[in-house]
């Protein structure tokens, strides 16, 4: 099973890009993207490759839900 977290594109240089998720930044590859990606777009990333764009509202809803799950796990294990 794979989990792809919506990541916000903050820098693009050709097929390379940098994304941000919860303040963590990493480089990814855009070669597999079927459409053009711009700074500020959200993409789903797997194994270092962006696979598809995600609408901003859907990305933010997903990130909020993931944060809630993490907080519930922390509260339950403490």
N, C-alpha and C. Protein backbone atom coordinates (compact mmCIF):
# COMPACT_ATOMS: atom_id res chain seq x y z
N UNK A 1 0.84 -1.18 0.00
CA UNK A 1 0.00 0.00 0.00
C UNK A 1 0.89 1.24 0.00
N UNK A 2 0.46 2.23 -0.72
CA UNK A 2 1.22 3.49 -0.81
C UNK A 2 0.37 4.62 -0.23
N UNK A 3 1.05 5.58 0.31
CA UNK A 3 0.39 6.79 0.79
C UNK A 3 1.07 7.97 0.14
N UNK A 4 0.32 8.75 -0.59
CA UNK A 4 0.84 9.96 -1.21
C UNK A 4 0.22 11.15 -0.50
N UNK A 5 1.05 12.01 0.01
CA UNK A 5 0.58 13.19 0.73
C UNK A 5 0.68 14.39 -0.21
N UNK A 6 -0.37 15.18 -0.30
CA UNK A 6 -0.30 16.38 -1.15
C UNK A 6 0.87 17.27 -0.74
N UNK A 7 1.65 17.66 -1.72
CA UNK A 7 2.86 18.47 -1.48
C UNK A 7 2.79 19.73 -2.33
N UNK A 8 3.12 20.87 -1.72
CA UNK A 8 3.05 22.16 -2.42
C UNK A 8 4.37 22.45 -3.13
N UNK A 9 4.28 22.74 -4.41
CA UNK A 9 5.46 23.05 -5.22
C UNK A 9 5.93 24.46 -4.88
N UNK A 10 7.22 24.58 -4.50
CA UNK A 10 7.75 25.89 -4.12
C UNK A 10 8.88 26.35 -5.03
N UNK A 11 9.39 25.44 -5.88
CA UNK A 11 10.49 25.78 -6.77
C UNK A 11 10.48 24.81 -7.94
N UNK A 12 10.75 25.32 -9.14
CA UNK A 12 10.81 24.47 -10.33
C UNK A 12 12.04 24.86 -11.15
N UNK A 13 12.76 23.83 -11.62
CA UNK A 13 13.90 24.01 -12.52
C UNK A 13 13.88 22.86 -13.51
N UNK A 14 13.24 23.07 -14.65
CA UNK A 14 13.11 22.00 -15.64
C UNK A 14 12.20 20.90 -15.11
N UNK A 15 12.74 19.67 -15.07
CA UNK A 15 11.97 18.55 -14.54
C UNK A 15 12.18 18.34 -13.05
N UNK A 16 12.99 19.18 -12.43
CA UNK A 16 13.20 19.08 -10.98
C UNK A 16 12.36 20.14 -10.29
N UNK A 17 11.90 19.79 -9.11
CA UNK A 17 11.11 20.73 -8.32
C UNK A 17 11.40 20.50 -6.85
N UNK A 18 11.06 21.48 -6.05
CA UNK A 18 11.13 21.34 -4.60
C UNK A 18 9.71 21.52 -4.08
N UNK A 19 9.32 20.62 -3.15
CA UNK A 19 7.99 20.69 -2.56
C UNK A 19 8.11 20.84 -1.05
N UNK A 20 7.02 21.32 -0.46
CA UNK A 20 6.95 21.53 0.98
C UNK A 20 5.72 20.81 1.53
N UNK A 21 5.95 20.05 2.61
CA UNK A 21 4.86 19.40 3.34
C UNK A 21 5.11 19.60 4.82
N UNK A 22 4.23 20.31 5.49
CA UNK A 22 4.37 20.58 6.93
C UNK A 22 5.74 21.19 7.27
N UNK A 23 6.30 21.99 6.38
CA UNK A 23 7.58 22.63 6.63
C UNK A 23 8.79 21.82 6.19
N UNK A 24 8.61 20.56 5.87
CA UNK A 24 9.71 19.73 5.37
C UNK A 24 9.76 19.89 3.85
N UNK A 25 10.96 20.12 3.34
CA UNK A 25 11.13 20.32 1.91
C UNK A 25 11.97 19.19 1.33
N UNK A 26 11.62 18.80 0.08
CA UNK A 26 12.41 17.79 -0.60
C UNK A 26 12.35 18.00 -2.09
N UNK A 27 13.37 17.50 -2.78
CA UNK A 27 13.39 17.58 -4.23
C UNK A 27 12.62 16.41 -4.83
N UNK A 28 11.90 16.71 -5.91
CA UNK A 28 11.15 15.68 -6.62
C UNK A 28 11.40 15.82 -8.11
N UNK A 29 10.90 14.85 -8.87
CA UNK A 29 11.04 14.85 -10.32
C UNK A 29 9.65 15.02 -10.93
N UNK A 30 9.55 15.85 -11.96
CA UNK A 30 8.27 16.13 -12.62
C UNK A 30 8.09 15.38 -13.94
N UNK A 31 9.03 14.50 -14.31
CA UNK A 31 9.00 13.84 -15.62
C UNK A 31 7.73 13.04 -15.89
N UNK A 32 7.09 12.52 -14.87
CA UNK A 32 5.90 11.68 -15.07
C UNK A 32 4.59 12.47 -15.08
N UNK A 33 4.68 13.77 -14.91
CA UNK A 33 3.46 14.58 -14.86
C UNK A 33 2.83 14.70 -16.25
N UNK A 34 1.53 14.40 -16.37
CA UNK A 34 0.85 14.51 -17.66
C UNK A 34 0.49 15.95 -18.02
N UNK A 35 0.60 16.85 -17.05
CA UNK A 35 0.26 18.25 -17.29
C UNK A 35 1.32 19.15 -16.66
N UNK A 36 1.32 20.40 -17.08
CA UNK A 36 2.29 21.35 -16.56
C UNK A 36 1.99 21.68 -15.10
N UNK A 37 3.06 21.86 -14.34
CA UNK A 37 2.96 22.18 -12.92
C UNK A 37 3.56 23.56 -12.69
N UNK A 38 2.92 24.34 -11.84
CA UNK A 38 3.42 25.66 -11.51
C UNK A 38 3.69 25.80 -10.02
N UNK A 39 4.44 26.83 -9.67
CA UNK A 39 4.70 27.12 -8.27
C UNK A 39 3.37 27.41 -7.58
N UNK A 40 3.17 26.80 -6.42
CA UNK A 40 1.92 26.96 -5.69
C UNK A 40 0.95 25.81 -5.92
N UNK A 41 1.19 25.01 -6.97
CA UNK A 41 0.34 23.85 -7.22
C UNK A 41 0.62 22.77 -6.17
N UNK A 42 -0.37 21.93 -5.94
CA UNK A 42 -0.20 20.76 -5.08
C UNK A 42 -0.13 19.52 -5.97
N UNK A 43 0.80 18.63 -5.65
CA UNK A 43 0.97 17.39 -6.40
C UNK A 43 1.05 16.22 -5.43
N UNK A 44 0.68 15.04 -5.93
CA UNK A 44 0.88 13.80 -5.17
C UNK A 44 2.22 13.23 -5.59
N UNK A 45 3.05 12.88 -4.60
CA UNK A 45 4.41 12.40 -4.86
C UNK A 45 4.56 10.98 -4.35
N UNK A 46 5.15 10.13 -5.18
CA UNK A 46 5.48 8.76 -4.78
C UNK A 46 6.88 8.44 -5.29
N UNK A 47 7.72 7.94 -4.39
CA UNK A 47 9.09 7.54 -4.73
C UNK A 47 9.86 8.66 -5.43
N UNK A 48 9.60 9.89 -5.01
CA UNK A 48 10.34 11.03 -5.55
C UNK A 48 9.81 11.60 -6.86
N UNK A 49 8.72 11.05 -7.36
CA UNK A 49 8.13 11.53 -8.60
C UNK A 49 6.73 12.08 -8.35
N UNK A 50 6.46 13.26 -8.92
CA UNK A 50 5.10 13.82 -8.89
C UNK A 50 4.27 13.02 -9.89
N UNK A 51 3.08 12.58 -9.46
CA UNK A 51 2.24 11.75 -10.31
C UNK A 51 1.01 12.47 -10.85
N UNK A 52 0.46 13.38 -10.05
CA UNK A 52 -0.71 14.13 -10.51
C UNK A 52 -0.91 15.36 -9.66
N UNK A 53 -1.60 16.35 -10.27
CA UNK A 53 -1.96 17.56 -9.54
C UNK A 53 -3.19 17.29 -8.69
N UNK A 54 -3.30 18.06 -7.61
CA UNK A 54 -4.45 17.98 -6.72
C UNK A 54 -4.96 19.40 -6.53
N UNK A 55 -6.27 19.56 -6.58
CA UNK A 55 -6.86 20.88 -6.34
C UNK A 55 -6.48 21.36 -4.95
N UNK A 56 -6.25 22.66 -4.81
CA UNK A 56 -5.80 23.24 -3.54
C UNK A 56 -6.75 22.90 -2.39
N UNK A 57 -8.04 23.03 -2.59
CA UNK A 57 -9.00 22.75 -1.52
C UNK A 57 -8.93 21.30 -1.08
N UNK A 58 -8.86 20.38 -2.03
CA UNK A 58 -8.76 18.96 -1.71
C UNK A 58 -7.45 18.65 -0.99
N UNK A 59 -6.36 19.28 -1.44
CA UNK A 59 -5.05 19.07 -0.80
C UNK A 59 -5.09 19.56 0.65
N UNK A 60 -5.64 20.73 0.87
CA UNK A 60 -5.68 21.27 2.23
C UNK A 60 -6.60 20.45 3.13
N UNK A 61 -7.71 19.94 2.58
CA UNK A 61 -8.60 19.07 3.36
C UNK A 61 -7.86 17.79 3.76
N UNK A 62 -7.12 17.20 2.83
CA UNK A 62 -6.36 15.98 3.11
C UNK A 62 -5.29 16.23 4.17
N UNK A 63 -4.57 17.33 4.04
CA UNK A 63 -3.52 17.65 5.01
C UNK A 63 -4.11 17.88 6.40
N UNK A 64 -5.27 18.51 6.45
CA UNK A 64 -5.94 18.73 7.74
C UNK A 64 -6.34 17.40 8.38
N UNK A 65 -6.89 16.51 7.58
CA UNK A 65 -7.28 15.19 8.08
C UNK A 65 -6.07 14.40 8.57
N UNK A 66 -4.98 14.44 7.82
CA UNK A 66 -3.76 13.74 8.24
C UNK A 66 -3.25 14.31 9.56
N UNK A 67 -3.29 15.62 9.72
CA UNK A 67 -2.86 16.25 10.98
C UNK A 67 -3.73 15.79 12.14
N UNK A 68 -5.04 15.71 11.91
CA UNK A 68 -5.96 15.25 12.96
C UNK A 68 -5.65 13.81 13.37
N UNK A 69 -5.39 12.96 12.40
CA UNK A 69 -5.06 11.55 12.69
C UNK A 69 -3.78 11.46 13.50
N UNK A 70 -2.78 12.24 13.13
CA UNK A 70 -1.51 12.24 13.86
C UNK A 70 -1.73 12.69 15.30
N UNK A 71 -2.50 13.75 15.49
CA UNK A 71 -2.77 14.25 16.84
C UNK A 71 -3.54 13.23 17.67
N UNK A 72 -4.51 12.55 17.07
CA UNK A 72 -5.26 11.53 17.79
C UNK A 72 -4.35 10.36 18.19
N UNK A 73 -3.45 9.99 17.33
CA UNK A 73 -2.50 8.91 17.64
C UNK A 73 -1.58 9.32 18.80
N UNK A 74 -1.11 10.54 18.74
CA UNK A 74 -0.24 11.04 19.83
C UNK A 74 -0.98 11.07 21.16
N UNK A 75 -2.21 11.52 21.14
CA UNK A 75 -3.02 11.61 22.37
C UNK A 75 -3.34 10.21 22.92
N UNK A 76 -3.53 9.26 22.06
CA UNK A 76 -3.87 7.91 22.48
C UNK A 76 -2.69 7.11 23.00
N UNK A 77 -1.48 7.48 22.57
CA UNK A 77 -0.30 6.71 22.99
C UNK A 77 0.41 7.35 24.18
N UNK A 78 -0.10 8.44 24.67
CA UNK A 78 0.59 9.15 25.74
C UNK A 78 -0.05 8.99 27.01
